[in-house]
Protein backbone atom coordinates (compact mmCIF):
# COMPACT_ATOMS: atom_id res chain seq x y z
CA MET A 1 0.00 0.00 0.00
CA ALA A 2 1.39 3.48 -0.85
CA TRP A 3 0.41 7.13 -0.44
CA ALA A 4 1.61 10.33 -2.15
CA GLN A 5 2.03 13.85 -0.72
CA PRO A 6 2.73 16.96 -2.89
CA VAL A 7 5.49 19.21 -1.46
CA PRO A 8 6.21 22.66 -3.12
CA LEU A 9 9.79 23.32 -4.12
CA PRO A 10 11.28 26.62 -2.84
CA GLY A 11 10.91 29.45 -5.33
CA SER A 12 9.07 27.28 -7.76
CA LEU A 13 5.59 26.29 -8.70
CA HIS A 14 6.77 22.75 -9.23
CA TYR A 15 5.97 20.07 -6.75
CA ARG A 16 7.84 16.98 -5.75
CA ILE A 17 5.96 13.87 -4.82
CA LEU A 18 6.91 11.99 -1.64
CA ILE A 19 5.90 8.38 -1.90
CA SER A 20 5.90 6.21 1.18
CA ALA A 21 5.13 2.51 1.33
CA PHE A 22 4.15 0.66 4.47
CA HIS A 23 3.06 -2.83 5.42
CA PRO A 24 -0.19 -3.68 7.17
CA PRO A 25 0.45 -3.64 10.94
CA VAL A 26 0.18 -6.72 13.18
CA PRO A 27 -2.88 -7.18 15.45
CA SER A 28 -3.16 -4.56 18.15
CA ALA A 29 -4.76 -6.85 20.74
CA SER A 30 -4.75 -10.46 21.86
CA PRO A 31 -7.74 -12.84 21.81
CA GLN A 32 -9.71 -13.26 25.01
CA LEU A 33 -8.64 -16.65 26.37
CA SER A 34 -10.77 -19.18 28.30
CA ILE A 35 -9.24 -22.29 29.92
CA ALA A 36 -10.83 -25.57 31.04
CA SER A 37 -9.64 -29.05 31.98
CA SER A 38 -11.50 -32.34 31.52
CA SER A 39 -8.80 -34.67 32.83
CA PRO A 40 -5.61 -34.55 34.94
CA THR A 41 -3.46 -34.44 31.78
CA ASP A 42 -5.38 -32.16 29.36
CA ILE A 43 -5.99 -28.40 29.13
CA ARG A 44 -8.56 -27.02 26.67
CA LEU A 45 -8.11 -23.44 25.41
CA MET A 46 -10.93 -21.44 23.81
CA TRP A 47 -10.92 -17.91 22.39
CA GLN A 48 -13.02 -15.49 20.32
CA PRO A 49 -11.80 -14.09 16.97
CA LEU A 50 -10.53 -10.51 17.03
CA SER A 51 -12.65 -7.70 15.64
CA THR A 52 -11.65 -6.07 12.37
CA GLN A 53 -10.45 -3.04 14.27
CA HIS A 54 -8.05 -5.07 16.40
CA SER A 55 -6.98 -7.69 13.84
CA ARG A 56 -5.72 -5.08 11.30
CA GLY A 57 -5.98 -7.58 8.52
CA ALA A 58 -6.74 -11.28 8.07
CA VAL A 59 -5.65 -13.41 11.04
CA THR A 60 -3.83 -16.43 9.55
CA ARG A 61 -2.62 -18.17 12.72
CA TYR A 62 -2.58 -18.22 16.48
CA ARG A 63 0.41 -18.95 18.71
CA ILE A 64 -0.14 -20.66 22.08
CA GLU A 65 2.70 -20.59 24.61
CA TYR A 66 2.74 -22.57 27.84
CA SER A 67 5.07 -23.79 30.58
CA ALA A 68 4.95 -25.49 33.95
CA MET A 69 5.28 -23.11 36.90
CA ASP A 70 8.21 -25.05 38.31
CA GLN A 71 9.99 -24.88 34.91
CA MET A 72 9.22 -21.33 33.78
CA ASP A 73 12.35 -21.13 31.63
CA ASN A 74 11.09 -23.99 29.41
CA ILE A 75 8.37 -22.31 27.32
CA TYR A 76 6.69 -24.49 24.70
CA SER A 77 4.94 -23.05 21.64
CA VAL A 78 2.15 -24.39 19.41
CA GLU A 79 0.70 -22.71 16.31
CA VAL A 80 -2.82 -23.35 14.98
CA GLY A 81 -4.70 -22.06 11.94
CA GLY A 82 -6.46 -18.73 11.83
CA ASN A 83 -9.88 -20.38 11.53
CA GLU A 84 -9.49 -22.27 14.83
CA THR A 85 -11.12 -21.03 18.03
CA GLN A 86 -10.09 -23.83 20.41
CA PHE A 87 -7.20 -26.23 21.03
CA THR A 88 -6.44 -28.97 23.56
CA LEU A 89 -2.98 -29.51 25.07
CA ARG A 90 -2.55 -33.20 25.91
CA GLU A 91 -0.18 -35.47 27.83
CA LEU A 92 0.56 -32.86 30.49
CA GLN A 93 1.67 -33.69 34.03
CA PRO A 94 -1.05 -34.28 36.65
CA ASN A 95 -1.01 -32.30 39.90
CA GLN A 96 0.91 -29.50 38.16
CA THR A 97 0.28 -25.77 37.65
CA TYR A 98 0.66 -24.44 34.09
CA ARG A 99 0.69 -20.90 32.73
CA LEU A 100 -0.62 -20.15 29.23
CA ARG A 101 -1.03 -17.23 26.83
CA ILE A 102 -2.08 -16.64 23.20
CA ALA A 103 -1.26 -14.23 20.39
CA ALA A 104 -2.91 -13.66 17.00
CA GLY A 105 -0.84 -13.29 13.83
CA THR A 106 -1.25 -12.01 10.29
CA GLY A 107 1.01 -12.68 7.34
CA ILE A 108 3.38 -10.01 8.67
CA GLY A 109 3.81 -11.35 12.19
CA PHE A 110 2.26 -11.81 15.61
CA GLY A 111 0.66 -9.15 17.72
CA VAL A 112 0.85 -8.71 21.46
CA SER A 113 0.42 -11.80 23.62
CA SER A 114 -2.26 -12.05 26.26
CA GLU A 115 -1.44 -11.95 29.94
CA TRP A 116 -0.29 -15.23 31.43
CA ALA A 117 -3.22 -17.31 32.70
CA GLN A 118 -2.77 -20.20 35.14
CA LYS A 119 -4.42 -23.59 35.35
CA ILE A 120 -3.92 -26.21 38.07
CA LEU A 121 -4.35 -29.78 36.83
CA PRO A 122 -5.90 -32.21 39.34
CA ALA A 123 -4.02 -35.21 40.66
CA LEU A 124 -4.69 -38.79 39.59
CA LYS A 125 -7.12 -40.14 42.19
CA GLN A 126 -8.62 -43.56 42.72
CA ASN A 127 -12.05 -44.69 43.94
CA LEU A 128 -10.99 -46.93 46.82
CA LYS A 129 -13.06 -49.59 48.55
CA VAL A 130 -11.82 -51.84 51.34
CA ARG A 131 -13.63 -54.84 52.81
CA ALA A 132 -12.31 -55.66 56.24
CA LYS A 133 -12.17 -59.23 57.57
CA VAL A 134 -10.68 -60.73 60.68
CA SER A 135 -7.11 -60.96 59.43
CA SER A 136 -7.26 -59.57 55.91
CA LEU A 137 -8.33 -56.56 53.87
CA ASN A 138 -9.77 -56.88 50.35
CA VAL A 139 -8.74 -53.69 48.53
CA THR A 140 -10.42 -52.73 45.24
CA TRP A 141 -10.28 -49.56 43.14
CA HIS A 142 -11.40 -48.16 39.80
CA PRO A 143 -8.90 -47.16 37.10
CA SER A 144 -7.69 -43.61 36.81
CA PRO A 145 -9.63 -41.31 34.38
CA ASN A 146 -6.53 -41.10 32.16
CA HIS A 147 -5.63 -44.75 32.37
CA THR A 148 -3.48 -44.66 29.22
CA VAL A 149 -0.79 -42.50 30.85
CA VAL A 150 -0.68 -44.53 34.08
CA SER A 151 2.36 -46.82 34.46
CA GLY A 152 0.96 -48.73 37.42
CA TYR A 153 -0.33 -48.47 40.98
CA LYS A 154 1.26 -48.44 44.42
CA LEU A 155 -0.44 -49.78 47.54
CA SER A 156 0.69 -49.24 51.12
CA CYS A 157 -0.62 -50.71 54.36
CA GLN A 158 0.31 -49.30 57.76
CA GLU A 159 -0.74 -50.58 61.16
CA MET A 160 -1.70 -47.83 63.62
CA GLU A 161 -0.77 -48.69 67.22
CA SER A 162 -2.77 -47.15 70.08
CA ASP A 163 -0.96 -44.47 72.07
CA ASP A 164 -2.70 -43.62 75.33
CA THR A 165 -0.51 -40.61 76.04
CA SER A 166 -1.65 -38.78 72.92
CA ASN A 167 -5.17 -40.22 72.58
CA GLY A 168 -4.40 -41.08 69.03
CA HIS A 169 -2.52 -43.62 67.00
CA ARG A 170 1.17 -44.07 66.50
CA PRO A 171 2.07 -45.52 63.08
CA LEU A 172 4.17 -48.65 62.82
CA LEU A 173 6.27 -49.78 59.86
CA MET A 174 4.57 -49.19 56.50
CA HIS A 175 4.68 -51.82 53.75
CA THR A 176 4.45 -50.61 50.13
CA ILE A 177 4.03 -52.80 47.06
CA ARG A 178 4.03 -51.93 43.36
CA LEU A 179 1.27 -53.27 41.07
CA ARG A 180 0.76 -53.38 37.30
CA LYS A 181 -1.51 -50.90 35.53
CA LYS A 182 -4.12 -53.63 34.93
CA ALA A 183 -4.47 -54.38 38.64
CA ARG A 184 -7.87 -53.61 40.15
CA TYR A 185 -7.71 -55.38 43.53
CA HIS A 186 -5.28 -56.79 46.06
CA ILE A 187 -5.72 -58.90 49.21
CA LEU A 188 -3.71 -57.96 52.29
CA THR A 189 -3.37 -61.04 54.50
CA GLY A 190 -1.76 -61.96 57.79
CA LEU A 191 -3.20 -58.95 59.66
CA VAL A 192 -4.05 -58.76 63.36
CA PRO A 193 -7.77 -58.94 64.28
CA ASP A 194 -9.39 -55.81 65.69
CA HIS A 195 -6.46 -53.54 64.78
CA GLN A 196 -6.45 -50.12 63.16
CA TYR A 197 -4.94 -49.94 59.67
CA GLU A 198 -4.40 -47.26 57.05
CA VAL A 199 -4.45 -48.27 53.37
CA ARG A 200 -3.35 -45.99 50.55
CA VAL A 201 -3.59 -46.55 46.78
CA TRP A 202 -2.19 -44.18 44.17
CA ALA A 203 -1.37 -44.23 40.48
CA PHE A 204 2.03 -43.33 39.14
CA THR A 205 3.42 -42.37 35.75
CA LYS A 206 7.00 -42.36 34.47
CA GLN A 207 7.43 -38.81 35.78
CA THR A 208 5.42 -38.50 38.99
CA ASP A 209 3.10 -40.08 41.55
CA GLY A 210 -0.57 -39.20 41.75
CA ALA A 211 -2.57 -38.33 44.84
CA ALA A 212 -3.34 -41.25 47.13
CA ALA A 213 -6.82 -42.49 47.99
CA VAL A 214 -6.85 -43.27 51.71
CA TRP A 215 -8.88 -45.74 53.80
CA LYS A 216 -8.69 -45.99 57.57
CA GLY A 217 -10.45 -48.71 59.51
CA ARG A 218 -10.17 -51.80 61.66
CA THR A 219 -10.02 -55.44 60.93
CA ASP A 220 -12.97 -57.46 62.25
CA LYS A 221 -13.03 -58.90 65.74
CA THR A 222 -12.99 -62.63 66.31
CA HIS A 223 -16.49 -64.10 66.20
CA ASN A 224 -16.44 -65.68 69.69
CA ARG A 225 -15.12 -64.90 73.14
CA THR A 226 -13.30 -68.17 73.48
CA PRO A 227 -9.55 -68.20 73.04
CA TRP A 228 -8.47 -67.89 69.47
CA PRO A 229 -8.44 -71.16 67.64
CA PRO A 230 -5.13 -72.32 66.34
CA PRO A 231 -4.29 -70.56 63.07
CA ARG A 232 -5.22 -72.31 59.91
CA PRO A 233 -2.33 -74.01 58.25
CA PRO A 234 -1.17 -72.07 55.21
CA PRO A 235 -1.61 -73.75 51.85
CA LEU A 236 1.43 -75.27 50.24
CA PRO A 237 2.99 -73.50 47.27
CA PRO A 238 2.14 -74.69 43.75
CA SER A 239 4.24 -77.40 42.15
CA ILE A 240 5.71 -77.92 38.68
CA ILE A 241 6.00 -74.26 37.72
CA GLN A 242 6.79 -73.68 34.06
CA ALA A 243 7.74 -70.38 32.43
CA LEU A 244 7.87 -69.83 28.68
CA ALA A 245 8.72 -66.61 26.86
CA ASN A 246 5.77 -65.57 24.71
CA SER A 247 7.25 -62.44 23.10
CA SER A 248 9.86 -59.79 23.74
CA THR A 249 7.61 -58.25 26.42
CA SER A 250 5.62 -61.17 27.85
CA ILE A 251 6.05 -64.56 29.57
CA TRP A 252 3.53 -67.37 30.04
CA LEU A 253 3.62 -68.84 33.55
CA ARG A 254 1.80 -72.09 34.36
CA TRP A 255 1.70 -74.25 37.48
CA GLU A 256 -0.14 -77.14 39.17
CA LYS A 257 -1.99 -77.20 42.46
CA PRO A 258 -0.10 -78.45 45.52
CA ARG A 259 -0.18 -82.22 45.60
CA PHE A 260 -0.99 -82.45 49.31
CA SER A 261 -3.10 -79.73 50.94
CA ASN A 262 -6.18 -79.70 53.16
CA VAL A 263 -6.68 -75.93 52.68
CA ARG A 264 -9.01 -74.63 50.01
CA ILE A 265 -7.13 -72.39 47.61
CA ILE A 266 -9.09 -69.37 46.36
CA ASN A 267 -6.42 -67.74 44.15
CA TYR A 268 -2.71 -67.38 43.51
CA THR A 269 -0.23 -64.51 43.79
CA VAL A 270 2.62 -64.33 41.27
CA ARG A 271 5.84 -62.45 42.07
CA CYS A 272 7.88 -61.16 39.13
CA SER A 273 11.22 -59.35 39.24
CA PRO A 274 14.33 -58.90 37.06
CA PHE A 275 16.99 -61.47 37.88
CA GLY A 276 19.22 -60.48 40.79
CA THR A 277 17.47 -57.16 41.48
CA THR A 278 17.72 -55.58 44.92
CA ASN A 279 15.34 -52.73 44.08
CA ALA A 280 11.95 -53.43 45.66
CA SER A 281 10.23 -50.99 43.30
CA LEU A 282 11.02 -53.32 40.37
CA VAL A 283 9.16 -56.25 41.99
CA SER A 284 5.56 -56.64 40.81
CA TYR A 285 2.72 -58.84 42.08
CA HIS A 286 -0.14 -60.32 40.08
CA THR A 287 -3.25 -62.22 41.13
CA SER A 288 -4.75 -65.13 39.19
CA SER A 289 -7.74 -67.33 39.97
CA VAL A 290 -6.58 -69.97 37.48
CA GLN A 291 -3.35 -71.90 37.18
CA GLU A 292 -1.74 -69.73 34.52
CA ILE A 293 -1.07 -66.09 33.77
CA LEU A 294 0.41 -64.05 30.92
CA LEU A 295 2.83 -61.51 32.37
CA GLY A 296 3.10 -58.46 30.11
CA ASP A 297 4.84 -55.07 29.96
CA LEU A 298 8.26 -56.71 30.44
CA LYS A 299 11.58 -55.57 28.98
CA PRO A 300 12.96 -57.34 25.88
CA PHE A 301 15.80 -59.84 26.25
CA THR A 302 15.69 -59.61 30.06
CA ARG A 303 15.99 -62.46 32.54
CA TYR A 304 13.20 -62.63 35.13
CA GLU A 305 12.69 -64.52 38.40
CA LEU A 306 9.17 -65.83 38.99
CA ALA A 307 7.49 -67.41 42.02
CA VAL A 308 3.90 -68.37 42.87
CA GLN A 309 2.04 -68.26 46.20
CA SER A 310 -1.18 -70.12 47.11
CA ASN A 311 -3.86 -68.11 48.93
CA GLY A 312 -6.53 -69.67 51.15
CA VAL A 313 -9.39 -67.98 53.01
CA ASP A 314 -7.73 -65.28 55.13
CA VAL A 315 -4.40 -67.06 54.94
CA ALA A 316 -1.55 -67.01 52.45
CA GLY A 317 1.10 -69.65 51.99
CA PRO A 318 4.79 -69.26 51.26
CA PHE A 319 6.12 -68.53 47.82
CA SER A 320 7.40 -71.39 45.74
CA SER A 321 11.00 -71.71 44.66
CA THR A 322 11.81 -69.37 41.81
CA VAL A 323 11.98 -70.22 38.13
CA GLN A 324 13.82 -68.13 35.59
CA GLU A 325 12.95 -67.17 32.04
CA THR A 326 14.29 -64.63 29.53
CA THR A 327 12.02 -62.62 27.27
CA LEU A 328 12.64 -62.90 23.53
CA SER A 329 14.91 -60.46 21.74
CA ASP A 330 13.65 -57.48 19.76
CA LYS A 331 15.01 -54.74 17.53
CA PRO A 332 17.29 -52.25 19.31
CA SER A 333 15.27 -49.37 20.70
CA SER A 334 18.23 -46.97 20.84
CA PRO A 335 21.06 -46.22 18.38
CA PRO A 336 24.75 -46.88 19.00
CA GLU A 337 26.38 -44.43 21.40
CA GLU A 338 29.31 -42.00 21.12
CA LEU A 339 29.83 -42.02 17.34
CA GLN A 340 33.32 -40.60 16.67
CA LEU A 341 34.84 -39.60 13.28
CA ASN A 342 38.58 -39.03 12.84
CA ALA A 343 40.13 -38.20 9.44
CA LEU A 344 43.28 -40.32 9.21
CA TYR A 345 44.62 -39.42 5.78
CA THR A 346 43.42 -37.57 2.71
CA SER A 347 41.13 -40.45 1.73
CA SER A 348 40.08 -42.34 4.90
CA VAL A 349 38.17 -41.86 8.16
CA LEU A 350 38.27 -43.91 11.37
CA VAL A 351 34.71 -44.52 12.63
CA SER A 352 34.31 -45.69 16.25
CA TRP A 353 31.30 -46.13 18.55
CA ARG A 354 29.86 -47.86 21.61
CA PRO A 355 26.97 -50.41 21.62
CA PRO A 356 23.38 -49.18 22.15
CA LEU A 357 22.15 -48.64 25.69
CA GLN A 358 19.02 -50.66 24.87
CA PRO A 359 20.15 -53.39 22.46
CA ASN A 360 17.16 -55.66 23.28
CA GLY A 361 19.22 -58.66 22.18
CA ILE A 362 22.60 -59.71 20.87
CA ILE A 363 23.93 -57.21 18.32
CA THR A 364 24.61 -59.18 15.13
CA SER A 365 25.78 -56.34 12.89
CA TYR A 366 26.34 -52.62 12.56
CA THR A 367 25.44 -50.59 9.46
CA ILE A 368 27.42 -47.45 8.59
CA LEU A 369 25.84 -45.02 6.13
CA TYR A 370 27.83 -42.11 4.69
CA SER A 371 27.29 -39.55 1.94
CA THR A 372 28.48 -36.17 0.73
CA ASN A 373 24.88 -34.91 0.53
CA MET A 374 22.85 -35.17 3.72
CA SER A 375 19.57 -34.40 1.91
CA GLN A 376 19.78 -37.45 -0.35
CA PRO A 377 17.41 -40.39 0.30
CA GLU A 378 18.79 -42.92 2.74
CA HIS A 379 18.92 -45.75 0.20
CA THR A 380 21.37 -43.74 -1.94
CA TRP A 381 23.97 -43.42 0.84
CA ASN A 382 27.07 -45.61 0.81
CA ASN A 383 26.55 -48.67 3.00
CA VAL A 384 29.17 -50.55 5.03
CA SER A 385 28.25 -53.48 7.33
CA GLN A 386 30.36 -54.73 10.21
CA ASP A 387 30.10 -57.70 12.57
CA GLY A 388 28.32 -57.05 15.87
CA THR A 389 31.52 -57.61 17.85
CA ILE A 390 33.37 -54.75 16.11
CA THR A 391 33.14 -51.16 17.38
CA SER A 392 35.48 -49.36 14.97
CA VAL A 393 36.31 -49.45 11.26
CA GLU A 394 38.37 -47.45 8.77
CA ILE A 395 36.42 -46.17 5.74
CA ARG A 396 38.76 -45.78 2.75
CA GLY A 397 38.44 -44.43 -0.78
CA LEU A 398 37.08 -41.01 0.18
CA THR A 399 37.68 -37.81 -1.77
CA SER A 400 40.11 -35.27 -0.31
CA GLY A 401 38.83 -31.79 0.48
CA THR A 402 35.25 -33.08 0.83
CA GLN A 403 32.73 -33.01 3.69
CA TYR A 404 31.16 -36.38 4.51
CA PHE A 405 28.09 -37.17 6.65
CA PHE A 406 27.89 -40.37 8.70
CA LYS A 407 25.24 -42.20 10.73
CA LEU A 408 25.26 -45.61 12.36
CA GLY A 409 22.66 -48.26 13.24
CA ALA A 410 22.70 -51.60 15.04
CA SER A 411 20.77 -54.80 14.28
CA THR A 412 19.75 -57.92 16.18
CA GLU A 413 18.32 -61.11 14.75
CA MET A 414 14.92 -59.39 14.84
CA GLY A 415 15.96 -56.49 12.62
CA PRO A 416 17.61 -53.04 12.59
CA GLY A 417 17.13 -50.36 15.21
CA PRO A 418 17.17 -46.56 14.83
CA TYR A 419 20.13 -44.71 13.35
CA SER A 420 22.30 -42.35 15.37
CA PRO A 421 22.19 -38.59 14.74
CA VAL A 422 24.16 -37.52 11.66
CA LYS A 423 27.77 -36.38 12.19
CA ASP A 424 30.10 -34.81 9.65
CA VAL A 425 33.85 -34.82 9.00
CA ASN A 426 36.04 -32.86 6.56
CA ILE A 427 38.65 -34.82 4.61
CA PRO A 428 41.90 -32.77 4.32
CA TYR A 429 43.22 -31.79 0.89
CA LYS A 430 45.76 -34.06 -0.78
CA LEU A 431 49.15 -32.44 -1.34
CA ASP A 432 50.79 -32.99 -4.76
CA ILE A 433 54.50 -33.61 -3.91
CA PRO A 434 55.96 -32.58 -7.33
CA THR A 435 53.90 -29.42 -7.34
CA VAL A 436 54.86 -28.55 -3.77
CA THR A 437 58.54 -29.24 -4.56
CA GLY A 438 58.37 -26.97 -7.59
CA ILE A 439 56.78 -24.21 -5.52
CA ILE A 440 59.47 -24.48 -2.85
CA VAL A 441 62.30 -24.45 -5.44
CA GLY A 442 60.76 -21.43 -7.18
CA VAL A 443 60.42 -19.51 -3.91
CA CYS A 444 64.03 -20.29 -3.01
CA LEU A 445 65.31 -19.13 -6.41
CA GLY A 446 63.30 -15.97 -6.08
CA LEU A 447 64.80 -15.22 -2.67
CA ILE A 448 68.33 -15.86 -3.99
CA CYS A 449 67.73 -13.43 -6.85
CA ILE A 450 66.50 -10.78 -4.45
CA LEU A 451 69.58 -11.20 -2.24
CA LEU A 452 71.93 -10.98 -5.24
CA CYS A 453 70.23 -7.81 -6.42
CA MET A 454 70.57 -6.28 -2.98
CA CYS A 455 74.28 -7.17 -2.87
CA PHE A 456 74.99 -5.62 -6.31
CA SER A 457 73.08 -2.51 -5.37
CA PHE A 458 75.04 -2.19 -2.15
CA ARG A 459 78.40 -2.49 -4.05
CA ASN A 460 77.39 0.14 -6.56
CA ILE A 461 76.45 2.59 -3.84
CA LYS A 462 79.71 1.97 -2.01
CA SER A 463 81.76 2.49 -5.19
CA ARG A 464 80.14 5.85 -5.85
CA CYS A 465 80.79 6.98 -2.34
CA CYS A 466 84.48 6.13 -2.65
CA HIS A 467 84.87 8.14 -5.88
């Protein structure tokens, strides 16, 4: 857009025309932002389009910026089309406060951003129900609203001992167990009749723990005033336990009932842990009413220890001896580490690396791709394969004075994994010995000539001075 203004010239009736061009300005205001949340991990943003006066042209896009309050330096940005009036941010962290703002933009740029608005996401909570018996508690709960982001559940049980001096309860040692995300109930056995207990259940993700649902109550009293009958004998552990890897992330576990037992078995508890672990948080427990179970969500090519426990009515038996099984291998889920490139000569590069952190099996081979053009399709790159036991190789036949791009991938028997980030190396120029020798000889001759000329000039000057 342009405008013209006539300006009279001094002492003349002529005019000069001043022409000025300008671009349409950016929006002068920000949209009015509304915020809502329908789950512990989502935030929905809604806004009204700007008026013509404030938009100053056609709004082509909106920019949404947000960050967690405890990480205000990490600001994330999302752009949406100019016809949109709402957007949902997903996979956020529960029990976290976020700040958000929005700006409208034309083809020239973005206008002013709105003031920061805050939204507190709720914690992941569970609907907890506990059925108290004489020496056990049957704990059940409903899945979290955003069950897809939950990694599992944690359950704690704490006995509360009476304390007459404080007219309250003094907590004893708390026992916490970790359960799979598919768990919906757990039986706490071996408790003391007519005692106060506190049970907590909470969901956890890979980043944080949710809020705990809490139950406080007492186990039932014995049903008669006579001395307690002798405790029921615990059921024997199952026999003939067999484990068989089903996939890279699952194991079938089957067993038979105890051969000799007068106790009625109502279900079984399976304990699963990586071989040799001393971290209690990696031990998981599963309940099965039949004599088999498919254990899922395991790590590929990992050795596990498994044991089974028989559960009677209000009594649990000891765990069986452990059996071991390794999940099947899979493709590597991470690329080789620490890719290094060192130009050795004018036509070769030494490539070295370390194995992947998550090989998911035995590395059978490494694939090295290199090219002088990083934008070319991957299948056009030069390909060099090496045995899985080798972690360095010299690539020869390269062109001097050229930049090369390299990336590296690892493979198991199940297939290739992801490639490492691209790295580059510059091959030094090749020196032509005859040419260099000729240059050196020529420079030397030139210097000799200059020195001779200086000497002759000095003699001539001295001779003149003498005469």
